[in-house]
Amino acid sequence: MNLARLIRALPALALLVVLAACDAKDMGDPPHPMGNFKMNAFFIDAQKAQTVPLSRTAQPEDWETVMGDAMTERFGTYAGDKPFEFGISIDGYVLAPRGVPVVASPKSALIIRLHVYDSAKKQFLEEGGKRITVMEGVSGESFVGSGWTQNKQAQMKKLARNAAKAVQDYMLEHPEWLGLPPLQTPPP
C-alpha cells in the first residue's frame, strides 16, 4: 500500500477504533457501584420512532420490548433505597441492511431521549431530558456490515444494550443524583 492510500485510510481506521469502544460488552462484569440506586420503573415509547429509507424496519412494540429487556438486564440487580424512574423515547434508528462488505457496510444506530425522575423527590432531574445516540460498535460480526451477519433482532438487541449502558454512564456522570462522592478530575 502506498503512503497516499494509507493516509486516506487513517480517518476510516480511526472511526472503526472509536466505534469499537461503543459496544456494551461489560454485562459479565460485576455491577458498577451506583450508591443506593434502585430502578423503580421505566417507560419506553417507540411509537414515533423515525428511520431512513435504506434501513430495515421494526415495529414500535419490538423496540419497546428489546429496550425494556436491556434496561432490566442493566439495572435490575440494583436494590438500593433511592428509587429512580426512566422515561425513554426512541426517536430514531437505523438497522443496517446488507451493503457491499467492508467497502459500504452501513452501521446500525439508535437515538433516544432519556428522562430521569427521582421518585423520592418527585421531580425530573434534567429539564428536557438527555438525547443519546449509540452505534452498534465493531466486532467480528459487524466488521463486514451487520446487515450481512446479523438479523434485525440481533442488531436491535445490541443497540438496546448499548443504549442502556449509555443511560448508566449518564447517571454516573451525576454522582450527586446517586448520593456518591463527586467525580475526581485528573490533575493537569
N, C-alpha and C. Protein backbone atom coordinates (compact mmCIF):
# COMPACT_ATOMS: atom_id res chain seq x y z
N MET A 1 0.86 -1.17 0.00
CA MET A 1 0.00 0.00 0.00
C MET A 1 0.90 1.23 0.00
N ASN A 2 0.62 2.17 -0.88
CA ASN A 2 1.47 3.35 -0.91
C ASN A 2 1.05 4.33 0.18
N LEU A 3 1.90 5.32 0.43
CA LEU A 3 1.70 6.26 1.53
C LEU A 3 0.42 7.08 1.36
N ALA A 4 0.10 7.50 0.16
CA ALA A 4 -1.11 8.30 -0.06
C ALA A 4 -2.36 7.51 0.30
N ARG A 5 -2.40 6.24 -0.07
CA ARG A 5 -3.56 5.40 0.28
C ARG A 5 -3.66 5.21 1.78
N LEU A 6 -2.52 5.02 2.43
CA LEU A 6 -2.52 4.83 3.87
C LEU A 6 -3.04 6.08 4.57
N ILE A 7 -2.60 7.24 4.13
CA ILE A 7 -3.06 8.49 4.73
C ILE A 7 -4.56 8.66 4.55
N ARG A 8 -5.09 8.31 3.36
CA ARG A 8 -6.53 8.41 3.12
C ARG A 8 -7.31 7.42 3.98
N ALA A 9 -6.71 6.29 4.30
CA ALA A 9 -7.40 5.26 5.09
C ALA A 9 -7.38 5.53 6.58
N LEU A 10 -6.51 6.40 7.07
CA LEU A 10 -6.39 6.65 8.50
C LEU A 10 -7.69 7.15 9.15
N PRO A 11 -8.42 8.11 8.55
CA PRO A 11 -9.67 8.52 9.21
C PRO A 11 -10.67 7.37 9.35
N ALA A 12 -10.77 6.51 8.36
CA ALA A 12 -11.69 5.38 8.44
C ALA A 12 -11.25 4.41 9.54
N LEU A 13 -9.96 4.15 9.65
CA LEU A 13 -9.46 3.27 10.69
C LEU A 13 -9.69 3.87 12.08
N ALA A 14 -9.49 5.18 12.20
CA ALA A 14 -9.74 5.84 13.48
C ALA A 14 -11.21 5.73 13.87
N LEU A 15 -12.11 5.88 12.90
CA LEU A 15 -13.53 5.75 13.16
C LEU A 15 -13.87 4.34 13.64
N LEU A 16 -13.26 3.34 13.02
CA LEU A 16 -13.50 1.95 13.45
C LEU A 16 -13.07 1.73 14.89
N VAL A 17 -11.95 2.31 15.29
CA VAL A 17 -11.49 2.17 16.67
C VAL A 17 -12.48 2.83 17.62
N VAL A 18 -12.97 4.02 17.27
CA VAL A 18 -13.94 4.71 18.11
C VAL A 18 -15.22 3.90 18.21
N LEU A 19 -15.71 3.40 17.10
CA LEU A 19 -16.94 2.62 17.12
C LEU A 19 -16.80 1.34 17.92
N ALA A 20 -15.62 0.76 17.90
CA ALA A 20 -15.41 -0.47 18.66
C ALA A 20 -15.60 -0.23 20.15
N ALA A 21 -15.30 0.96 20.60
CA ALA A 21 -15.46 1.29 22.01
C ALA A 21 -16.91 1.49 22.40
N CYS A 22 -17.81 1.54 21.44
CA CYS A 22 -19.22 1.81 21.70
C CYS A 22 -20.04 0.56 21.98
N ASP A 23 -19.44 -0.58 22.05
CA ASP A 23 -20.19 -1.82 22.21
C ASP A 23 -20.21 -2.23 23.67
N ALA A 24 -21.40 -2.38 24.25
CA ALA A 24 -21.55 -2.72 25.67
C ALA A 24 -21.21 -4.19 25.88
N LYS A 25 -19.97 -4.46 26.27
CA LYS A 25 -19.53 -5.84 26.48
C LYS A 25 -19.26 -6.11 27.95
N ASP A 26 -19.76 -5.27 28.82
CA ASP A 26 -19.43 -5.39 30.23
C ASP A 26 -20.49 -6.11 31.05
N MET A 27 -21.46 -6.74 30.42
CA MET A 27 -22.55 -7.34 31.17
C MET A 27 -22.10 -8.51 32.05
N GLY A 28 -20.99 -9.14 31.74
CA GLY A 28 -20.50 -10.23 32.57
C GLY A 28 -19.70 -9.74 33.77
N ASP A 29 -19.34 -8.45 33.77
CA ASP A 29 -18.57 -7.87 34.86
C ASP A 29 -19.48 -7.62 36.07
N PRO A 30 -18.88 -7.46 37.26
CA PRO A 30 -19.69 -7.10 38.43
C PRO A 30 -20.39 -5.77 38.18
N PRO A 31 -21.58 -5.57 38.76
CA PRO A 31 -22.29 -4.31 38.56
C PRO A 31 -21.46 -3.12 39.03
N HIS A 32 -21.52 -2.04 38.28
CA HIS A 32 -20.79 -0.82 38.62
C HIS A 32 -21.45 -0.19 39.84
N PRO A 33 -20.68 0.23 40.84
CA PRO A 33 -21.28 0.85 42.03
C PRO A 33 -22.12 2.08 41.65
N MET A 34 -23.37 2.10 42.12
CA MET A 34 -24.27 3.22 41.85
C MET A 34 -24.93 3.71 43.14
N GLY A 35 -24.20 3.64 44.24
CA GLY A 35 -24.74 4.13 45.50
C GLY A 35 -25.96 3.33 45.92
N ASN A 36 -27.01 4.03 46.34
CA ASN A 36 -28.25 3.39 46.78
C ASN A 36 -29.29 3.33 45.67
N PHE A 37 -28.83 3.32 44.43
CA PHE A 37 -29.72 3.33 43.27
C PHE A 37 -30.64 2.11 43.23
N LYS A 38 -31.86 2.37 42.81
CA LYS A 38 -32.82 1.31 42.53
C LYS A 38 -33.69 1.80 41.37
N MET A 39 -33.86 0.95 40.36
CA MET A 39 -34.76 1.31 39.26
C MET A 39 -36.17 0.98 39.70
N ASN A 40 -36.95 2.01 39.94
CA ASN A 40 -38.33 1.85 40.39
C ASN A 40 -39.24 1.43 39.23
N ALA A 41 -39.01 2.04 38.07
CA ALA A 41 -39.83 1.74 36.89
C ALA A 41 -39.16 2.35 35.66
N PHE A 42 -39.60 1.89 34.50
CA PHE A 42 -39.19 2.53 33.26
C PHE A 42 -40.38 2.53 32.31
N PHE A 43 -40.39 3.53 31.46
CA PHE A 43 -41.45 3.69 30.47
C PHE A 43 -40.78 3.93 29.13
N ILE A 44 -41.14 3.15 28.15
CA ILE A 44 -40.49 3.25 26.84
C ILE A 44 -41.56 3.48 25.78
N ASP A 45 -41.30 4.47 24.93
CA ASP A 45 -42.24 4.80 23.86
C ASP A 45 -41.47 4.83 22.53
N ALA A 46 -41.86 3.98 21.61
CA ALA A 46 -41.23 3.95 20.29
C ALA A 46 -42.24 4.24 19.18
N GLN A 47 -43.41 4.74 19.54
CA GLN A 47 -44.48 4.93 18.56
C GLN A 47 -44.14 5.95 17.49
N LYS A 48 -43.26 6.91 17.80
CA LYS A 48 -42.92 7.96 16.83
C LYS A 48 -41.50 7.83 16.31
N ALA A 49 -40.89 6.66 16.47
CA ALA A 49 -39.52 6.45 16.01
C ALA A 49 -39.45 6.62 14.50
N GLN A 50 -38.44 7.33 14.05
CA GLN A 50 -38.24 7.56 12.62
C GLN A 50 -37.01 6.80 12.16
N THR A 51 -36.98 6.53 10.88
CA THR A 51 -35.84 5.84 10.30
C THR A 51 -35.59 6.39 8.90
N VAL A 52 -34.54 5.92 8.28
CA VAL A 52 -34.22 6.35 6.92
C VAL A 52 -34.67 5.28 5.94
N PRO A 53 -34.87 5.63 4.67
CA PRO A 53 -35.41 4.67 3.71
C PRO A 53 -34.60 3.39 3.54
N LEU A 54 -33.30 3.43 3.68
CA LEU A 54 -32.49 2.23 3.45
C LEU A 54 -32.45 1.29 4.64
N SER A 55 -32.93 1.72 5.79
CA SER A 55 -32.88 0.91 7.00
C SER A 55 -33.87 -0.24 6.94
N ARG A 56 -33.53 -1.31 7.63
CA ARG A 56 -34.54 -2.33 7.91
C ARG A 56 -35.55 -1.68 8.85
N THR A 57 -36.78 -2.14 8.83
CA THR A 57 -37.78 -1.55 9.71
C THR A 57 -38.12 -2.51 10.85
N ALA A 58 -38.61 -1.92 11.92
CA ALA A 58 -39.01 -2.70 13.10
C ALA A 58 -40.29 -2.08 13.66
N GLN A 59 -41.08 -2.90 14.27
CA GLN A 59 -42.32 -2.43 14.89
C GLN A 59 -42.01 -1.72 16.21
N PRO A 60 -42.77 -0.68 16.54
CA PRO A 60 -42.54 0.02 17.81
C PRO A 60 -42.58 -0.93 19.01
N GLU A 61 -43.48 -1.89 19.00
CA GLU A 61 -43.58 -2.83 20.11
C GLU A 61 -42.31 -3.66 20.28
N ASP A 62 -41.66 -3.97 19.15
CA ASP A 62 -40.41 -4.73 19.22
C ASP A 62 -39.31 -3.89 19.88
N TRP A 63 -39.25 -2.60 19.52
CA TRP A 63 -38.27 -1.71 20.15
C TRP A 63 -38.55 -1.58 21.63
N GLU A 64 -39.82 -1.43 22.00
CA GLU A 64 -40.18 -1.27 23.41
C GLU A 64 -39.79 -2.51 24.21
N THR A 65 -39.99 -3.68 23.63
CA THR A 65 -39.63 -4.93 24.31
C THR A 65 -38.12 -5.06 24.46
N VAL A 66 -37.38 -4.88 23.39
CA VAL A 66 -35.93 -5.09 23.45
C VAL A 66 -35.26 -4.04 24.34
N MET A 67 -35.76 -2.81 24.32
CA MET A 67 -35.19 -1.76 25.18
C MET A 67 -35.52 -2.05 26.64
N GLY A 68 -36.73 -2.52 26.91
CA GLY A 68 -37.12 -2.89 28.27
C GLY A 68 -36.27 -4.03 28.80
N ASP A 69 -36.01 -5.01 27.96
CA ASP A 69 -35.15 -6.13 28.36
C ASP A 69 -33.74 -5.64 28.70
N ALA A 70 -33.22 -4.72 27.90
CA ALA A 70 -31.87 -4.20 28.13
C ALA A 70 -31.81 -3.39 29.42
N MET A 71 -32.85 -2.61 29.71
CA MET A 71 -32.87 -1.83 30.94
C MET A 71 -32.95 -2.75 32.16
N THR A 72 -33.76 -3.79 32.07
CA THR A 72 -33.88 -4.75 33.18
C THR A 72 -32.56 -5.48 33.38
N GLU A 73 -31.93 -5.89 32.29
CA GLU A 73 -30.64 -6.57 32.38
C GLU A 73 -29.59 -5.67 33.01
N ARG A 74 -29.56 -4.41 32.63
CA ARG A 74 -28.55 -3.47 33.10
C ARG A 74 -28.80 -3.03 34.54
N PHE A 75 -30.06 -2.75 34.91
CA PHE A 75 -30.35 -2.12 36.19
C PHE A 75 -31.12 -3.00 37.18
N GLY A 76 -31.56 -4.17 36.76
CA GLY A 76 -32.42 -4.99 37.59
C GLY A 76 -31.79 -5.55 38.85
N THR A 77 -30.46 -5.58 38.95
CA THR A 77 -29.81 -6.15 40.12
C THR A 77 -29.55 -5.13 41.22
N TYR A 78 -29.74 -3.84 40.94
CA TYR A 78 -29.51 -2.82 41.96
C TYR A 78 -30.71 -2.78 42.90
N ALA A 79 -30.44 -2.86 44.20
CA ALA A 79 -31.53 -2.95 45.18
C ALA A 79 -31.36 -1.93 46.29
N GLY A 80 -30.96 -0.72 45.94
CA GLY A 80 -30.80 0.33 46.95
C GLY A 80 -32.15 0.87 47.39
N ASP A 81 -32.10 1.96 48.14
CA ASP A 81 -33.34 2.55 48.63
C ASP A 81 -33.59 3.94 48.05
N LYS A 82 -32.89 4.28 46.97
CA LYS A 82 -33.08 5.57 46.28
C LYS A 82 -33.69 5.27 44.91
N PRO A 83 -35.03 5.35 44.81
CA PRO A 83 -35.70 4.92 43.58
C PRO A 83 -35.69 5.98 42.48
N PHE A 84 -35.46 5.51 41.26
CA PHE A 84 -35.49 6.35 40.07
C PHE A 84 -36.42 5.71 39.04
N GLU A 85 -36.98 6.55 38.20
CA GLU A 85 -37.78 6.09 37.07
C GLU A 85 -37.16 6.66 35.81
N PHE A 86 -37.23 5.88 34.73
CA PHE A 86 -36.69 6.31 33.45
C PHE A 86 -37.81 6.39 32.43
N GLY A 87 -37.85 7.48 31.71
CA GLY A 87 -38.72 7.60 30.55
C GLY A 87 -37.83 7.63 29.32
N ILE A 88 -38.04 6.72 28.40
CA ILE A 88 -37.19 6.64 27.21
C ILE A 88 -38.07 6.71 25.98
N SER A 89 -37.79 7.70 25.16
CA SER A 89 -38.46 7.83 23.87
C SER A 89 -37.46 7.42 22.79
N ILE A 90 -37.82 6.45 22.00
CA ILE A 90 -36.96 6.05 20.88
C ILE A 90 -37.32 6.97 19.73
N ASP A 91 -36.41 7.89 19.43
CA ASP A 91 -36.69 8.92 18.43
C ASP A 91 -36.33 8.49 17.01
N GLY A 92 -35.30 7.68 16.86
CA GLY A 92 -34.89 7.27 15.53
C GLY A 92 -33.92 6.11 15.58
N TYR A 93 -33.81 5.43 14.44
CA TYR A 93 -32.90 4.30 14.38
C TYR A 93 -32.54 4.01 12.92
N VAL A 94 -31.45 3.30 12.78
CA VAL A 94 -31.03 2.74 11.50
C VAL A 94 -30.63 1.30 11.80
N LEU A 95 -31.27 0.36 11.15
CA LEU A 95 -30.86 -1.04 11.23
C LEU A 95 -30.21 -1.37 9.90
N ALA A 96 -28.93 -1.63 9.96
CA ALA A 96 -28.13 -1.77 8.74
C ALA A 96 -28.66 -2.87 7.83
N PRO A 97 -28.87 -2.52 6.57
CA PRO A 97 -29.22 -3.54 5.57
C PRO A 97 -27.94 -4.17 5.04
N ARG A 98 -28.10 -5.10 4.16
CA ARG A 98 -26.91 -5.66 3.50
C ARG A 98 -26.32 -4.59 2.59
N GLY A 99 -25.02 -4.44 2.66
CA GLY A 99 -24.32 -3.49 1.82
C GLY A 99 -23.22 -4.22 1.08
N VAL A 100 -22.26 -3.47 0.58
CA VAL A 100 -21.10 -4.07 -0.03
C VAL A 100 -20.11 -4.32 1.10
N PRO A 101 -19.79 -5.58 1.40
CA PRO A 101 -18.94 -5.86 2.56
C PRO A 101 -17.69 -5.01 2.61
N VAL A 102 -17.38 -4.49 3.79
CA VAL A 102 -16.24 -3.65 4.14
C VAL A 102 -16.29 -2.31 3.43
N VAL A 103 -16.53 -2.25 2.13
CA VAL A 103 -16.50 -1.01 1.37
C VAL A 103 -17.65 -0.09 1.77
N ALA A 104 -18.86 -0.58 1.71
CA ALA A 104 -20.04 0.21 2.07
C ALA A 104 -20.88 -0.62 3.02
N SER A 105 -20.36 -0.81 4.20
CA SER A 105 -21.08 -1.62 5.17
C SER A 105 -21.70 -0.70 6.22
N PRO A 106 -22.97 -0.35 6.04
CA PRO A 106 -23.60 0.58 6.96
C PRO A 106 -23.66 0.01 8.37
N LYS A 107 -23.62 0.91 9.33
CA LYS A 107 -23.69 0.54 10.74
C LYS A 107 -25.06 0.90 11.28
N SER A 108 -25.50 0.16 12.26
CA SER A 108 -26.77 0.44 12.92
C SER A 108 -26.57 1.51 13.98
N ALA A 109 -27.63 2.30 14.22
CA ALA A 109 -27.58 3.37 15.21
C ALA A 109 -28.96 3.53 15.85
N LEU A 110 -28.97 4.09 17.05
CA LEU A 110 -30.21 4.31 17.79
C LEU A 110 -30.13 5.67 18.48
N ILE A 111 -31.21 6.44 18.38
CA ILE A 111 -31.30 7.74 19.04
C ILE A 111 -32.45 7.68 20.03
N ILE A 112 -32.14 8.00 21.29
CA ILE A 112 -33.18 8.02 22.32
C ILE A 112 -33.19 9.38 23.01
N ARG A 113 -34.31 9.68 23.65
CA ARG A 113 -34.42 10.83 24.55
C ARG A 113 -34.70 10.24 25.93
N LEU A 114 -33.85 10.54 26.89
CA LEU A 114 -33.93 9.98 28.24
C LEU A 114 -34.42 11.04 29.22
N HIS A 115 -35.40 10.66 30.04
CA HIS A 115 -35.86 11.49 31.15
C HIS A 115 -35.66 10.68 32.43
N VAL A 116 -34.99 11.29 33.41
CA VAL A 116 -34.72 10.62 34.69
C VAL A 116 -35.57 11.31 35.75
N TYR A 117 -36.33 10.51 36.48
CA TYR A 117 -37.22 11.01 37.51
C TYR A 117 -36.79 10.46 38.86
N ASP A 118 -36.54 11.35 39.81
CA ASP A 118 -36.21 10.95 41.17
C ASP A 118 -37.53 10.71 41.89
N SER A 119 -37.85 9.46 42.14
CA SER A 119 -39.15 9.10 42.74
C SER A 119 -39.29 9.64 44.15
N ALA A 120 -38.20 9.71 44.92
CA ALA A 120 -38.27 10.19 46.30
C ALA A 120 -38.53 11.69 46.33
N LYS A 121 -37.83 12.44 45.47
CA LYS A 121 -38.00 13.89 45.43
C LYS A 121 -39.20 14.33 44.59
N LYS A 122 -39.74 13.38 43.82
CA LYS A 122 -40.87 13.64 42.93
C LYS A 122 -40.56 14.78 41.95
N GLN A 123 -39.41 14.61 41.26
CA GLN A 123 -39.01 15.62 40.27
C GLN A 123 -38.12 15.01 39.20
N PHE A 124 -38.23 15.61 38.00
CA PHE A 124 -37.33 15.25 36.92
C PHE A 124 -35.98 15.89 37.21
N LEU A 125 -34.91 15.20 36.87
CA LEU A 125 -33.58 15.67 37.23
C LEU A 125 -32.94 16.59 36.20
N GLU A 126 -33.44 16.59 34.99
CA GLU A 126 -32.89 17.49 33.99
C GLU A 126 -34.01 17.89 33.04
N GLU A 127 -34.25 19.18 32.98
CA GLU A 127 -35.33 19.67 32.13
C GLU A 127 -35.07 19.34 30.67
N GLY A 128 -36.07 18.80 30.02
CA GLY A 128 -35.94 18.47 28.60
C GLY A 128 -35.31 17.11 28.33
N GLY A 129 -34.75 16.49 29.34
CA GLY A 129 -34.14 15.18 29.14
C GLY A 129 -32.78 15.26 28.47
N LYS A 130 -32.27 14.11 28.14
CA LYS A 130 -30.94 13.97 27.54
C LYS A 130 -31.06 13.16 26.26
N ARG A 131 -30.55 13.69 25.17
CA ARG A 131 -30.54 12.95 23.91
C ARG A 131 -29.28 12.10 23.85
N ILE A 132 -29.46 10.83 23.53
CA ILE A 132 -28.33 9.89 23.48
C ILE A 132 -28.36 9.18 22.13
N THR A 133 -27.22 9.12 21.48
CA THR A 133 -27.07 8.39 20.23
C THR A 133 -26.02 7.31 20.44
N VAL A 134 -26.36 6.08 20.08
CA VAL A 134 -25.41 4.97 20.19
C VAL A 134 -25.29 4.26 18.84
N MET A 135 -24.13 3.69 18.64
CA MET A 135 -23.86 2.89 17.45
C MET A 135 -23.75 1.43 17.89
N GLU A 136 -23.80 0.53 16.92
CA GLU A 136 -23.72 -0.89 17.26
C GLU A 136 -22.33 -1.31 17.69
N GLY A 137 -21.30 -0.57 17.34
CA GLY A 137 -19.94 -0.98 17.66
C GLY A 137 -19.40 -1.89 16.57
N VAL A 138 -18.13 -2.17 16.65
CA VAL A 138 -17.48 -3.02 15.66
C VAL A 138 -17.03 -4.30 16.33
N SER A 139 -17.38 -5.40 15.74
CA SER A 139 -16.95 -6.70 16.24
C SER A 139 -16.71 -7.59 15.03
N GLY A 140 -16.34 -8.81 15.28
CA GLY A 140 -16.16 -9.76 14.18
C GLY A 140 -17.44 -9.94 13.40
N GLU A 141 -18.60 -9.80 14.10
CA GLU A 141 -19.88 -9.99 13.44
C GLU A 141 -20.28 -8.79 12.60
N SER A 142 -19.79 -7.60 12.95
CA SER A 142 -20.26 -6.41 12.25
C SER A 142 -19.21 -5.75 11.37
N PHE A 143 -17.98 -6.28 11.34
CA PHE A 143 -16.93 -5.63 10.57
C PHE A 143 -17.28 -5.54 9.09
N VAL A 144 -17.81 -6.59 8.52
CA VAL A 144 -18.17 -6.55 7.10
C VAL A 144 -19.55 -5.94 6.89
N GLY A 145 -20.20 -5.58 7.97
CA GLY A 145 -21.53 -4.99 7.89
C GLY A 145 -22.52 -5.90 8.58
N SER A 146 -23.15 -5.40 9.63
CA SER A 146 -24.05 -6.26 10.40
C SER A 146 -25.27 -6.67 9.60
N GLY A 147 -25.57 -5.96 8.52
CA GLY A 147 -26.67 -6.37 7.66
C GLY A 147 -26.42 -7.72 7.03
N TRP A 148 -25.17 -8.09 6.87
CA TRP A 148 -24.82 -9.40 6.29
C TRP A 148 -24.78 -10.49 7.34
N THR A 149 -24.38 -10.15 8.56
CA THR A 149 -24.10 -11.18 9.55
C THR A 149 -25.13 -11.29 10.66
N GLN A 150 -26.03 -10.31 10.78
CA GLN A 150 -27.00 -10.34 11.88
C GLN A 150 -28.39 -10.01 11.36
N ASN A 151 -29.38 -10.65 11.96
CA ASN A 151 -30.75 -10.28 11.63
C ASN A 151 -31.12 -9.02 12.41
N LYS A 152 -32.27 -8.45 12.11
CA LYS A 152 -32.61 -7.18 12.76
C LYS A 152 -32.79 -7.33 14.26
N GLN A 153 -33.26 -8.49 14.74
CA GLN A 153 -33.42 -8.68 16.18
C GLN A 153 -32.06 -8.60 16.89
N ALA A 154 -31.03 -9.20 16.30
CA ALA A 154 -29.69 -9.14 16.90
C ALA A 154 -29.17 -7.71 16.89
N GLN A 155 -29.41 -6.98 15.80
CA GLN A 155 -28.97 -5.58 15.74
C GLN A 155 -29.70 -4.75 16.80
N MET A 156 -31.00 -4.97 16.93
CA MET A 156 -31.79 -4.21 17.91
C MET A 156 -31.32 -4.51 19.33
N LYS A 157 -31.04 -5.76 19.62
CA LYS A 157 -30.58 -6.14 20.96
C LYS A 157 -29.26 -5.45 21.28
N LYS A 158 -28.34 -5.46 20.33
CA LYS A 158 -27.04 -4.82 20.55
C LYS A 158 -27.21 -3.32 20.78
N LEU A 159 -28.04 -2.68 19.96
CA LEU A 159 -28.28 -1.24 20.13
C LEU A 159 -28.94 -0.94 21.47
N ALA A 160 -29.92 -1.74 21.86
CA ALA A 160 -30.60 -1.51 23.13
C ALA A 160 -29.64 -1.69 24.31
N ARG A 161 -28.78 -2.69 24.25
CA ARG A 161 -27.79 -2.88 25.32
C ARG A 161 -26.83 -1.69 25.38
N ASN A 162 -26.42 -1.20 24.22
CA ASN A 162 -25.53 -0.03 24.20
C ASN A 162 -26.23 1.20 24.75
N ALA A 163 -27.53 1.34 24.45
CA ALA A 163 -28.29 2.47 24.97
C ALA A 163 -28.44 2.37 26.48
N ALA A 164 -28.72 1.19 27.01
CA ALA A 164 -28.83 1.01 28.46
C ALA A 164 -27.51 1.33 29.14
N LYS A 165 -26.40 0.94 28.52
CA LYS A 165 -25.07 1.26 29.05
C LYS A 165 -24.86 2.77 29.04
N ALA A 166 -25.31 3.45 27.97
CA ALA A 166 -25.18 4.91 27.90
C ALA A 166 -26.03 5.59 28.97
N VAL A 167 -27.19 5.02 29.28
CA VAL A 167 -28.03 5.55 30.36
C VAL A 167 -27.27 5.44 31.69
N GLN A 168 -26.65 4.29 31.93
CA GLN A 168 -25.88 4.12 33.16
C GLN A 168 -24.71 5.10 33.21
N ASP A 169 -24.00 5.25 32.10
CA ASP A 169 -22.89 6.20 32.06
C ASP A 169 -23.37 7.61 32.37
N TYR A 170 -24.53 7.98 31.84
CA TYR A 170 -25.10 9.30 32.09
C TYR A 170 -25.42 9.48 33.58
N MET A 171 -26.00 8.45 34.19
CA MET A 171 -26.30 8.53 35.63
C MET A 171 -25.00 8.70 36.43
N LEU A 172 -23.96 7.99 36.04
CA LEU A 172 -22.69 8.07 36.76
C LEU A 172 -21.98 9.40 36.56
N GLU A 173 -22.35 10.13 35.50
CA GLU A 173 -21.81 11.48 35.30
C GLU A 173 -22.40 12.45 36.32
N HIS A 174 -23.44 12.04 37.02
CA HIS A 174 -24.13 12.88 38.01
C HIS A 174 -24.15 12.17 39.36
N PRO A 175 -22.98 12.04 40.00
CA PRO A 175 -22.92 11.30 41.26
C PRO A 175 -23.81 11.91 42.35
N GLU A 176 -24.08 13.21 42.25
CA GLU A 176 -24.93 13.85 43.25
C GLU A 176 -26.35 13.27 43.23
N TRP A 177 -26.81 12.81 42.09
CA TRP A 177 -28.13 12.18 41.99
C TRP A 177 -28.15 10.87 42.77
N LEU A 178 -27.02 10.18 42.76
CA LEU A 178 -26.93 8.85 43.35
C LEU A 178 -26.43 8.85 44.79
N GLY A 179 -26.07 10.03 45.30
CA GLY A 179 -25.52 10.11 46.65
C GLY A 179 -24.09 9.61 46.71
N LEU A 180 -23.38 9.69 45.58
CA LEU A 180 -21.98 9.27 45.51
C LEU A 180 -21.07 10.50 45.66
N PRO A 181 -19.81 10.29 46.01
CA PRO A 181 -18.88 11.42 46.07
C PRO A 181 -18.70 12.03 44.68
N PRO A 182 -18.34 13.32 44.63
CA PRO A 182 -18.14 13.98 43.32
C PRO A 182 -17.07 13.28 42.50
N LEU A 183 -17.20 13.39 41.20
CA LEU A 183 -16.21 12.82 40.30
C LEU A 183 -14.87 13.49 40.51
N GLN A 184 -13.84 12.71 40.46
CA GLN A 184 -12.49 13.24 40.59
C GLN A 184 -11.96 13.58 39.20
N THR A 185 -11.46 14.78 39.04
CA THR A 185 -10.85 15.13 37.75
C THR A 185 -9.34 14.91 37.86
N PRO A 186 -8.77 14.33 36.82
CA PRO A 186 -7.32 14.06 36.89
C PRO A 186 -6.54 15.37 36.89
N PRO A 187 -5.40 15.38 37.58
CA PRO A 187 -4.58 16.62 37.61
C PRO A 187 -4.06 16.93 36.21
N PRO A 188 -3.84 18.24 35.94
CA PRO A 188 -3.36 18.64 34.59
C PRO A 188 -1.99 18.13 34.28
